[in-house]
Amino acid sequence: MPARKFDGQVLRTARRALDLSQEALGRSEGIDVDQSAVAGWESGGFPQPERLPAIARALRQPLDTLFPRDGLPDLADLRADAGYTQRSTGALIGTKSSIPVSNAERGVRRLAEAYAQRLAEAYGVTEKQLLAAQDRSFGVAPTAPSVPRSLAEKLTYLREATFPGGRPTDAQIAAAVNAYAGVEVISASAVEALRTGTPPPAEVLAGLAAGVVLEGLADFFGVTPLYFQSDEELERQVVNAIGLLAVRAGSEDFALAARGGQDGLDPAMLAKISAIVAEARQQKAGPR
């Protein structure tokens, strides 16, 4: 699978930005190398993959920002991203041998169910994610992912897909939403409730109804607030917008414009519909 991209110049720039010596970086927790090793990395060498998370922490950078990867991880990648050597995996699964994990990483023999559960917990991923990574180690093409429908499914998907290997905590998400709103509208436990499909507190329901919670979540995850609306809500907005357009434009003018030509809807009508939908979204969002 694709290894993380490592650039010695990027490492040197990040280290110097913190006024950190090569020796000090090498002594950082989880790295444990001498100055010459760090100098070698900055001159074109490559550290062991399991050291990259510790290097990112020492340089106060997200792992995926400092050492990005194109593509999805296999089992060996998950292990390295969690900072473990292959030799240490025996203890993670409760055995004296790392052979079960080694075999799975090499596509020889799949992990026993109990081992998969323990590894997922140790690696900080879901069991589903670990099994998908195992499939990639065996060269099995992934199946098309199901489309998230509920709010809980969408939050879970965004949390896992947007922040692979370093998912934000419920407390971090709540803090971001509250900062966006300018007041405390949600707690970490309420975020967990939304994420797991558990009924949230009444005040959070009020925030959802007002739109501020969904706007804050959308801002945090970098999506439009419309992403969190159900298909029925979106359809209702479009129908209402088109109905409003018909009233404003006049039924006869609307019918002529909507018929357009052989290429479909008239561009001017499309522009009007888009403008009304944008206006409806602004009205729904309320004053900020």
C-alpha atoms as a PDB file:
ATOM      1  CA  MET A   1       0.000   0.000   0.000  1.00  0.00           C
ATOM      2  CA  PRO A   2       1.126   3.626  -0.412  1.00  0.00           C
ATOM      3  CA  ALA A   3       3.688   4.659   2.165  1.00  0.00           C
ATOM      4  CA  ARG A   4       3.443   8.022   3.843  1.00  0.00           C
ATOM      5  CA  LYS A   5       5.265  10.758   1.977  1.00  0.00           C
ATOM      6  CA  PHE A   6       8.396  11.793   3.822  1.00  0.00           C
ATOM      7  CA  ASP A   7      10.378  14.889   2.889  1.00  0.00           C
ATOM      8  CA  GLY A   8      13.531  15.674   4.831  1.00  0.00           C
ATOM      9  CA  GLN A   9      13.279  19.370   3.936  1.00  0.00           C
ATOM     10  CA  VAL A  10       9.755  19.527   5.391  1.00  0.00           C
ATOM     11  CA  LEU A  11      11.035  17.836   8.544  1.00  0.00           C
ATOM     12  CA  ARG A  12      13.909  20.319   8.858  1.00  0.00           C
ATOM     13  CA  THR A  13      11.595  23.309   8.337  1.00  0.00           C
ATOM     14  CA  ALA A  14       9.124  22.095  10.968  1.00  0.00           C
ATOM     15  CA  ARG A  15      11.923  21.367  13.447  1.00  0.00           C
ATOM     16  CA  ARG A  16      13.556  24.753  13.001  1.00  0.00           C
ATOM     17  CA  ALA A  17      10.203  26.515  13.323  1.00  0.00           C
ATOM     18  CA  LEU A  18      10.094  25.176  16.896  1.00  0.00           C
ATOM     19  CA  ASP A  19      13.769  26.033  17.479  1.00  0.00           C
ATOM     20  CA  LEU A  20      14.329  22.334  18.182  1.00  0.00           C
ATOM     21  CA  SER A  21      17.764  20.812  17.695  1.00  0.00           C
ATOM     22  CA  GLN A  22      18.284  17.521  15.897  1.00  0.00           C
ATOM     23  CA  GLU A  23      19.465  16.015  19.157  1.00  0.00           C
ATOM     24  CA  ALA A  24      16.386  17.203  21.046  1.00  0.00           C
ATOM     25  CA  LEU A  25      14.063  15.832  18.382  1.00  0.00           C
ATOM     26  CA  GLY A  26      15.821  12.479  18.512  1.00  0.00           C
ATOM     27  CA  ARG A  27      15.372  12.342  22.307  1.00  0.00           C
ATOM     28  CA  SER A  28      11.611  13.018  22.069  1.00  0.00           C
ATOM     29  CA  GLU A  29       9.243  10.371  23.410  1.00  0.00           C
ATOM     30  CA  GLY A  30       8.724   7.501  20.988  1.00  0.00           C
ATOM     31  CA  ILE A  31      11.630   8.503  18.685  1.00  0.00           C
ATOM     32  CA  ASP A  32      14.710   7.544  20.729  1.00  0.00           C
ATOM     33  CA  VAL A  33      17.494   8.035  18.165  1.00  0.00           C
ATOM     34  CA  ASP A  34      20.712  10.026  18.213  1.00  0.00           C
ATOM     35  CA  GLN A  35      21.416  13.268  16.393  1.00  0.00           C
ATOM     36  CA  SER A  36      23.038  11.514  13.427  1.00  0.00           C
ATOM     37  CA  ALA A  37      19.831   9.597  12.667  1.00  0.00           C
ATOM     38  CA  VAL A  38      17.787  12.810  12.515  1.00  0.00           C
ATOM     39  CA  ALA A  39      20.466  14.391  10.334  1.00  0.00           C
ATOM     40  CA  GLY A  40      20.221  11.384   8.033  1.00  0.00           C
ATOM     41  CA  TRP A  41      16.449  11.768   7.725  1.00  0.00           C
ATOM     42  CA  GLU A  42      16.826  15.413   6.801  1.00  0.00           C
ATOM     43  CA  SER A  43      19.444  14.532   4.204  1.00  0.00           C
ATOM     44  CA  GLY A  44      17.377  11.967   2.338  1.00  0.00           C
ATOM     45  CA  GLY A  45      16.930   9.030   4.702  1.00  0.00           C
ATOM     46  CA  PHE A  46      13.612   7.639   5.868  1.00  0.00           C
ATOM     47  CA  PRO A  47      12.636   6.826   9.462  1.00  0.00           C
ATOM     48  CA  GLN A  48      10.855   3.629  10.358  1.00  0.00           C
ATOM     49  CA  PRO A  49       7.129   4.119   9.639  1.00  0.00           C
ATOM     50  CA  GLU A  50       6.142   3.475  13.261  1.00  0.00           C
ATOM     51  CA  ARG A  51       8.277   6.463  14.336  1.00  0.00           C
ATOM     52  CA  LEU A  52       6.356   8.935  12.167  1.00  0.00           C
ATOM     53  CA  PRO A  53       3.500   9.486  14.669  1.00  0.00           C
ATOM     54  CA  ALA A  54       5.988  10.335  17.423  1.00  0.00           C
ATOM     55  CA  ILE A  55       7.860  12.698  15.105  1.00  0.00           C
ATOM     56  CA  ALA A  56       4.601  14.449  14.195  1.00  0.00           C
ATOM     57  CA  ARG A  57       3.715  14.829  17.887  1.00  0.00           C
ATOM     58  CA  ALA A  58       7.159  16.218  18.713  1.00  0.00           C
ATOM     59  CA  LEU A  59       6.814  18.761  15.907  1.00  0.00           C
ATOM     60  CA  ARG A  60       3.227  19.603  16.936  1.00  0.00           C
ATOM     61  CA  GLN A  61       1.857  18.749  13.519  1.00  0.00           C
ATOM     62  CA  PRO A  62      -1.013  16.420  12.474  1.00  0.00           C
ATOM     63  CA  LEU A  63       0.374  13.161  11.116  1.00  0.00           C
ATOM     64  CA  ASP A  64      -1.590  13.455   7.866  1.00  0.00           C
ATOM     65  CA  THR A  65      -0.382  17.023   7.328  1.00  0.00           C
ATOM     66  CA  LEU A  66       3.305  16.382   7.949  1.00  0.00           C
ATOM     67  CA  PHE A  67       3.448  12.948   6.307  1.00  0.00           C
ATOM     68  CA  PRO A  68       0.455  12.585   3.947  1.00  0.00           C
ATOM     69  CA  ARG A  69      -0.545   9.332   2.275  1.00  0.00           C
ATOM     70  CA  ASP A  70      -2.338   8.880  -1.026  1.00  0.00           C
ATOM     71  CA  GLY A  71      -4.782   6.016  -0.705  1.00  0.00           C
ATOM     72  CA  LEU A  72      -6.172   3.934   2.113  1.00  0.00           C
ATOM     73  CA  PRO A  73      -4.077   2.061   4.706  1.00  0.00           C
ATOM     74  CA  ASP A  74      -3.539  -1.666   4.963  1.00  0.00           C
ATOM     75  CA  LEU A  75      -2.845  -3.500   8.231  1.00  0.00           C
ATOM     76  CA  ALA A  76       0.835  -2.596   8.335  1.00  0.00           C
ATOM     77  CA  ASP A  77      -0.055   1.054   7.768  1.00  0.00           C
ATOM     78  CA  LEU A  78      -2.542   1.053  10.658  1.00  0.00           C
ATOM     79  CA  ARG A  79       0.068  -0.474  12.930  1.00  0.00           C
ATOM     80  CA  ALA A  80       2.682   2.102  11.947  1.00  0.00           C
ATOM     81  CA  ASP A  81       0.189   4.953  12.360  1.00  0.00           C
ATOM     82  CA  ALA A  82      -0.446   3.734  15.904  1.00  0.00           C
ATOM     83  CA  GLY A  83       3.301   3.732  16.594  1.00  0.00           C
ATOM     84  CA  TYR A  84       3.812  -0.024  17.040  1.00  0.00           C
ATOM     85  CA  THR A  85       6.506  -2.271  15.638  1.00  0.00           C
ATOM     86  CA  GLN A  86       5.434  -5.617  14.257  1.00  0.00           C
ATOM     87  CA  ARG A  87       7.399  -7.341  17.028  1.00  0.00           C
ATOM     88  CA  SER A  88       5.256  -5.650  19.681  1.00  0.00           C
ATOM     89  CA  THR A  89       1.926  -6.853  18.287  1.00  0.00           C
ATOM     90  CA  GLY A  90       1.979 -10.164  20.159  1.00  0.00           C
ATOM     91  CA  ALA A  91       1.347  -8.337  23.417  1.00  0.00           C
ATOM     92  CA  LEU A  92      -1.427  -6.321  21.769  1.00  0.00           C
ATOM     93  CA  ILE A  93      -3.399  -9.450  20.874  1.00  0.00           C
ATOM     94  CA  GLY A  94      -2.595 -11.286  24.093  1.00  0.00           C
ATOM     95  CA  THR A  95      -0.082 -13.803  22.748  1.00  0.00           C
ATOM     96  CA  LYS A  96       3.669 -14.307  22.975  1.00  0.00           C
ATOM     97  CA  SER A  97       4.059 -14.280  19.207  1.00  0.00           C
ATOM     98  CA  SER A  98       3.629 -11.603  16.564  1.00  0.00           C
ATOM     99  CA  ILE A  99       3.178 -14.245  13.857  1.00  0.00           C
ATOM    100  CA  PRO A 100      -0.647 -13.881  13.607  1.00  0.00           C
ATOM    101  CA  VAL A 101      -0.315 -10.179  12.836  1.00  0.00           C
ATOM    102  CA  SER A 102       2.693 -10.742  10.561  1.00  0.00           C
ATOM    103  CA  ASN A 103       0.742 -13.335   8.567  1.00  0.00           C
ATOM    104  CA  ALA A 104      -2.238 -11.009   8.215  1.00  0.00           C
ATOM    105  CA  GLU A 105      -0.065  -8.072   7.128  1.00  0.00           C
ATOM    106  CA  ARG A 106       1.569 -10.241   4.456  1.00  0.00           C
ATOM    107  CA  GLY A 107      -1.762 -11.594   3.216  1.00  0.00           C
ATOM    108  CA  VAL A 108      -1.012 -15.152   4.362  1.00  0.00           C
ATOM    109  CA  ARG A 109      -3.668 -15.828   6.995  1.00  0.00           C
ATOM    110  CA  ARG A 110      -6.455 -13.642   8.333  1.00  0.00           C
ATOM    111  CA  LEU A 111      -6.686 -12.584  11.945  1.00  0.00           C
ATOM    112  CA  ALA A 112      -8.895 -14.483  14.359  1.00  0.00           C
ATOM    113  CA  GLU A 113     -11.941 -12.476  15.401  1.00  0.00           C
ATOM    114  CA  ALA A 114     -10.638 -11.971  18.947  1.00  0.00           C
ATOM    115  CA  TYR A 115      -7.302 -10.704  17.621  1.00  0.00           C
ATOM    116  CA  ALA A 116      -9.038  -8.279  15.262  1.00  0.00           C
ATOM    117  CA  GLN A 117     -11.032  -6.786  18.114  1.00  0.00           C
ATOM    118  CA  ARG A 118      -7.941  -6.282  20.274  1.00  0.00           C
ATOM    119  CA  LEU A 119      -5.898  -4.801  17.435  1.00  0.00           C
ATOM    120  CA  ALA A 120      -8.658  -2.368  16.494  1.00  0.00           C
ATOM    121  CA  GLU A 121      -8.747  -1.110  20.072  1.00  0.00           C
ATOM    122  CA  ALA A 122      -4.952  -0.829  20.249  1.00  0.00           C
ATOM    123  CA  TYR A 123      -4.752   0.977  16.897  1.00  0.00           C
ATOM    124  CA  GLY A 124      -7.549   3.395  17.771  1.00  0.00           C
ATOM    125  CA  VAL A 125      -9.808   2.402  14.879  1.00  0.00           C
ATOM    126  CA  THR A 126     -13.121   0.609  14.575  1.00  0.00           C
ATOM    127  CA  GLU A 127     -13.143  -3.122  13.934  1.00  0.00           C
ATOM    128  CA  LYS A 128     -14.794  -2.391  10.579  1.00  0.00           C
ATOM    129  CA  GLN A 129     -11.889  -0.144   9.595  1.00  0.00           C
ATOM    130  CA  LEU A 130      -9.360  -2.747  10.695  1.00  0.00           C
ATOM    131  CA  LEU A 131     -11.060  -5.499   8.681  1.00  0.00           C
ATOM    132  CA  ALA A 132     -11.169  -3.236   5.635  1.00  0.00           C
ATOM    133  CA  ALA A 133      -7.428  -2.634   6.038  1.00  0.00           C
ATOM    134  CA  GLN A 134      -6.925  -6.397   6.315  1.00  0.00           C
ATOM    135  CA  ASP A 135      -8.799  -6.849   3.034  1.00  0.00           C
ATOM    136  CA  ARG A 136      -6.372  -4.424   1.410  1.00  0.00           C
ATOM    137  CA  SER A 137      -3.453  -6.447   2.793  1.00  0.00           C
ATOM    138  CA  PHE A 138      -4.964  -9.465   1.009  1.00  0.00           C
ATOM    139  CA  GLY A 139      -5.494  -7.504  -2.200  1.00  0.00           C
ATOM    140  CA  VAL A 140      -9.271  -7.566  -1.919  1.00  0.00           C
ATOM    141  CA  ALA A 141     -10.935  -4.614  -3.641  1.00  0.00           C
ATOM    142  CA  PRO A 142     -13.217  -2.656  -1.314  1.00  0.00           C
ATOM    143  CA  THR A 143     -16.945  -2.722  -1.915  1.00  0.00           C
ATOM    144  CA  ALA A 144     -18.760   0.500  -2.623  1.00  0.00           C
ATOM    145  CA  PRO A 145     -19.471   2.232   0.704  1.00  0.00           C
ATOM    146  CA  SER A 146     -23.053   2.704   1.751  1.00  0.00           C
ATOM    147  CA  VAL A 147     -24.367   6.239   1.600  1.00  0.00           C
ATOM    148  CA  PRO A 148     -24.840   7.683   5.109  1.00  0.00           C
ATOM    149  CA  ARG A 149     -28.457   8.682   5.651  1.00  0.00           C
ATOM    150  CA  SER A 150     -29.065   9.539   9.294  1.00  0.00           C
ATOM    151  CA  LEU A 151     -27.374  12.352  11.199  1.00  0.00           C
ATOM    152  CA  ALA A 152     -25.497   9.774  13.277  1.00  0.00           C
ATOM    153  CA  GLU A 153     -24.214   7.998  10.158  1.00  0.00           C
ATOM    154  CA  LYS A 154     -23.138  11.281   8.569  1.00  0.00           C
ATOM    155  CA  LEU A 155     -21.265  12.437  11.676  1.00  0.00           C
ATOM    156  CA  THR A 156     -19.535   9.071  11.990  1.00  0.00           C
ATOM    157  CA  TYR A 157     -18.570   9.094   8.328  1.00  0.00           C
ATOM    158  CA  LEU A 158     -17.198  12.643   8.432  1.00  0.00           C
ATOM    159  CA  ARG A 159     -15.298  11.994  11.653  1.00  0.00           C
ATOM    160  CA  GLU A 160     -13.615   8.921  10.191  1.00  0.00           C
ATOM    161  CA  ALA A 161     -13.158  10.077   6.599  1.00  0.00           C
ATOM    162  CA  THR A 162     -12.082  13.654   7.291  1.00  0.00           C
ATOM    163  CA  PHE A 163      -9.606  12.856  10.073  1.00  0.00           C
ATOM    164  CA  PRO A 164      -8.114   9.408   9.301  1.00  0.00           C
ATOM    165  CA  GLY A 165      -5.763   8.237  12.027  1.00  0.00           C
ATOM    166  CA  GLY A 166      -6.485  11.211  14.271  1.00  0.00           C
ATOM    167  CA  ARG A 167     -10.217  11.567  14.717  1.00  0.00           C
ATOM    168  CA  PRO A 168     -11.375  14.519  16.850  1.00  0.00           C
ATOM    169  CA  THR A 169     -12.905  13.785  20.224  1.00  0.00           C
ATOM    170  CA  ASP A 170     -16.486  14.667  21.087  1.00  0.00           C
ATOM    171  CA  ALA A 171     -15.120  17.407  23.337  1.00  0.00           C
ATOM    172  CA  GLN A 172     -13.144  18.941  20.457  1.00  0.00           C
ATOM    173  CA  ILE A 173     -16.183  18.879  18.185  1.00  0.00           C
ATOM    174  CA  ALA A 174     -18.365  20.461  20.882  1.00  0.00           C
ATOM    175  CA  ALA A 175     -15.791  23.213  21.493  1.00  0.00           C
ATOM    176  CA  ALA A 176     -15.672  24.020  17.771  1.00  0.00           C
ATOM    177  CA  VAL A 177     -19.475  24.194  17.467  1.00  0.00           C
ATOM    178  CA  ASN A 178     -19.728  26.412  20.557  1.00  0.00           C
ATOM    179  CA  ALA A 179     -17.013  28.701  19.202  1.00  0.00           C
ATOM    180  CA  TYR A 180     -18.916  28.985  15.933  1.00  0.00           C
ATOM    181  CA  ALA A 181     -22.194  29.777  17.720  1.00  0.00           C
ATOM    182  CA  GLY A 182     -20.596  32.216  20.141  1.00  0.00           C
ATOM    183  CA  VAL A 183     -22.437  30.570  23.042  1.00  0.00           C
ATOM    184  CA  GLU A 184     -22.486  27.105  24.543  1.00  0.00           C
ATOM    185  CA  VAL A 185     -25.079  25.171  22.534  1.00  0.00           C
ATOM    186  CA  ILE A 186     -23.754  21.630  22.860  1.00  0.00           C
ATOM    187  CA  SER A 187     -21.649  19.491  25.206  1.00  0.00           C
ATOM    188  CA  ALA A 188     -19.302  16.589  24.523  1.00  0.00           C
ATOM    189  CA  SER A 189     -21.903  14.130  25.795  1.00  0.00           C
ATOM    190  CA  ALA A 190     -24.496  15.670  23.471  1.00  0.00           C
ATOM    191  CA  VAL A 191     -22.122  15.294  20.505  1.00  0.00           C
ATOM    192  CA  GLU A 192     -21.726  11.645  21.465  1.00  0.00           C
ATOM    193  CA  ALA A 193     -25.512  11.305  21.571  1.00  0.00           C
ATOM    194  CA  LEU A 194     -25.852  12.754  18.069  1.00  0.00           C
ATOM    195  CA  ARG A 195     -23.012  10.591  16.776  1.00  0.00           C
ATOM    196  CA  THR A 196     -24.417   7.370  18.198  1.00  0.00           C
ATOM    197  CA  GLY A 197     -28.072   8.042  17.423  1.00  0.00           C
ATOM    198  CA  THR A 198     -29.065   8.509  21.066  1.00  0.00           C
ATOM    199  CA  PRO A 199     -31.733  11.157  21.784  1.00  0.00           C
ATOM    200  CA  PRO A 200     -29.857  14.351  22.752  1.00  0.00           C
ATOM    201  CA  PRO A 201     -30.888  16.798  25.502  1.00  0.00           C
ATOM    202  CA  ALA A 202     -33.800  19.143  24.852  1.00  0.00           C
ATOM    203  CA  GLU A 203     -31.559  22.203  24.518  1.00  0.00           C
ATOM    204  CA  VAL A 204     -29.582  20.478  21.774  1.00  0.00           C
ATOM    205  CA  LEU A 205     -32.792  19.645  19.950  1.00  0.00           C
ATOM    206  CA  ALA A 206     -33.638  23.339  20.115  1.00  0.00           C
ATOM    207  CA  GLY A 207     -30.238  24.168  18.647  1.00  0.00           C
ATOM    208  CA  LEU A 208     -30.813  21.657  15.865  1.00  0.00           C
ATOM    209  CA  ALA A 209     -34.189  23.194  15.101  1.00  0.00           C
ATOM    210  CA  ALA A 210     -32.639  26.667  14.966  1.00  0.00           C
ATOM    211  CA  GLY A 211     -29.911  25.382  12.676  1.00  0.00           C
ATOM    212  CA  VAL A 212     -26.975  26.693  14.695  1.00  0.00           C
ATOM    213  CA  VAL A 213     -25.747  23.250  15.786  1.00  0.00           C
ATOM    214  CA  LEU A 214     -25.802  21.878  12.250  1.00  0.00           C
ATOM    215  CA  GLU A 215     -24.130  25.025  10.945  1.00  0.00           C
ATOM    216  CA  GLY A 216     -21.377  24.641  13.535  1.00  0.00           C
ATOM    217  CA  LEU A 217     -20.892  20.980  12.660  1.00  0.00           C
ATOM    218  CA  ALA A 218     -20.808  21.829   8.960  1.00  0.00           C
ATOM    219  CA  ASP A 219     -18.215  24.538   9.575  1.00  0.00           C
ATOM    220  CA  PHE A 220     -16.044  22.151  11.601  1.00  0.00           C
ATOM    221  CA  PHE A 221     -16.151  19.329   9.028  1.00  0.00           C
ATOM    222  CA  GLY A 222     -15.933  21.632   6.003  1.00  0.00           C
ATOM    223  CA  VAL A 223     -19.253  20.719   4.412  1.00  0.00           C
ATOM    224  CA  THR A 224     -22.421  22.623   3.595  1.00  0.00           C
ATOM    225  CA  PRO A 225     -25.195  22.564   6.237  1.00  0.00           C
ATOM    226  CA  LEU A 226     -27.394  21.017   3.533  1.00  0.00           C
ATOM    227  CA  TYR A 227     -25.340  17.828   3.904  1.00  0.00           C
ATOM    228  CA  PHE A 228     -27.015  17.149   7.244  1.00  0.00           C
ATOM    229  CA  GLN A 229     -30.548  17.581   5.933  1.00  0.00           C
ATOM    230  CA  SER A 230     -32.621  14.554   4.993  1.00  0.00           C
ATOM    231  CA  ASP A 231     -33.610  13.909   1.389  1.00  0.00           C
ATOM    232  CA  GLU A 232     -37.178  14.808   2.303  1.00  0.00           C
ATOM    233  CA  GLU A 233     -36.132  18.190   3.735  1.00  0.00           C
ATOM    234  CA  LEU A 234     -34.084  19.028   0.646  1.00  0.00           C
ATOM    235  CA  GLU A 235     -36.909  18.004  -1.670  1.00  0.00           C
ATOM    236  CA  ARG A 236     -39.362  20.147   0.289  1.00  0.00           C
ATOM    237  CA  GLN A 237     -37.058  23.174   0.039  1.00  0.00           C
ATOM    238  CA  VAL A 238     -36.678  22.772  -3.714  1.00  0.00           C
ATOM    239  CA  VAL A 239     -40.424  22.370  -4.230  1.00  0.00           C
ATOM    240  CA  ASN A 240     -41.149  25.430  -2.095  1.00  0.00           C
ATOM    241  CA  ALA A 241     -38.494  27.437  -3.958  1.00  0.00           C
ATOM    242  CA  ILE A 242     -39.904  26.523  -7.356  1.00  0.00           C
ATOM    243  CA  GLY A 243     -43.395  27.318  -6.144  1.00  0.00           C
ATOM    244  CA  LEU A 244     -42.220  30.717  -4.957  1.00  0.00           C
ATOM    245  CA  LEU A 245     -40.560  31.283  -8.312  1.00  0.00           C
ATOM    246  CA  ALA A 246     -43.798  30.498 -10.111  1.00  0.00           C
ATOM    247  CA  VAL A 247     -45.627  33.083  -8.006  1.00  0.00           C
ATOM    248  CA  ARG A 248     -42.990  35.759  -8.567  1.00  0.00           C
ATOM    249  CA  ALA A 249     -42.467  35.168 -12.275  1.00  0.00           C
ATOM    250  CA  GLY A 250     -46.082  34.593 -13.192  1.00  0.00           C
ATOM    251  CA  SER A 251     -47.409  31.187 -14.136  1.00  0.00           C
ATOM    252  CA  GLU A 252     -47.258  31.789 -17.903  1.00  0.00           C
ATOM    253  CA  ASP A 253     -43.692  33.165 -17.918  1.00  0.00           C
ATOM    254  CA  PHE A 254     -42.624  30.383 -15.570  1.00  0.00           C
ATOM    255  CA  ALA A 255     -44.056  27.665 -17.811  1.00  0.00           C
ATOM    256  CA  LEU A 256     -42.347  29.086 -20.888  1.00  0.00           C
ATOM    257  CA  ALA A 257     -38.987  29.440 -19.159  1.00  0.00           C
ATOM    258  CA  ALA A 258     -39.187  26.012 -17.562  1.00  0.00           C
ATOM    259  CA  ARG A 259     -39.844  24.341 -20.920  1.00  0.00           C
ATOM    260  CA  GLY A 260     -36.635  25.865 -22.260  1.00  0.00           C
ATOM    261  CA  GLY A 261     -35.309  24.295 -25.430  1.00  0.00           C
ATOM    262  CA  GLN A 262     -34.053  20.909 -26.449  1.00  0.00           C
ATOM    263  CA  ASP A 263     -31.175  21.244 -24.009  1.00  0.00           C
ATOM    264  CA  GLY A 264     -33.479  21.377 -20.996  1.00  0.00           C
ATOM    265  CA  LEU A 265     -34.181  24.084 -18.437  1.00  0.00           C
ATOM    266  CA  ASP A 266     -33.577  27.650 -19.558  1.00  0.00           C
ATOM    267  CA  PRO A 267     -30.328  29.045 -18.042  1.00  0.00           C
ATOM    268  CA  ALA A 268     -32.099  32.156 -16.803  1.00  0.00           C
ATOM    269  CA  MET A 269     -34.619  29.985 -14.987  1.00  0.00           C
ATOM    270  CA  LEU A 270     -31.840  27.930 -13.458  1.00  0.00           C
ATOM    271  CA  ALA A 271     -30.239  31.114 -12.173  1.00  0.00           C
ATOM    272  CA  LYS A 272     -33.517  32.258 -10.657  1.00  0.00           C
ATOM    273  CA  ILE A 273     -34.096  28.900  -8.983  1.00  0.00           C
ATOM    274  CA  SER A 274     -30.562  28.942  -7.563  1.00  0.00           C
ATOM    275  CA  ALA A 275     -31.064  32.450  -6.209  1.00  0.00           C
ATOM    276  CA  ILE A 276     -34.337  31.525  -4.521  1.00  0.00           C
ATOM    277  CA  VAL A 277     -32.843  28.381  -3.008  1.00  0.00           C
ATOM    278  CA  ALA A 278     -29.950  30.481  -1.651  1.00  0.00           C
ATOM    279  CA  GLU A 279     -32.440  32.961  -0.213  1.00  0.00           C
ATOM    280  CA  ALA A 280     -34.404  30.137   1.397  1.00  0.00           C
ATOM    281  CA  ARG A 281     -31.210  28.784   2.968  1.00  0.00           C
ATOM    282  CA  GLN A 282     -30.329  32.225   4.336  1.00  0.00           C
ATOM    283  CA  GLN A 283     -33.790  32.658   5.809  1.00  0.00           C
ATOM    284  CA  LYS A 284     -33.608  29.202   7.343  1.00  0.00           C
ATOM    285  CA  ALA A 285     -30.225  29.927   8.897  1.00  0.00           C
ATOM    286  CA  GLY A 286     -31.548  33.085  10.573  1.00  0.00           C
ATOM    287  CA  PRO A 287     -29.456  36.037  11.751  1.00  0.00           C
ATOM    288  CA  ARG A 288     -25.858  35.421  12.863  1.00  0.00           C
END
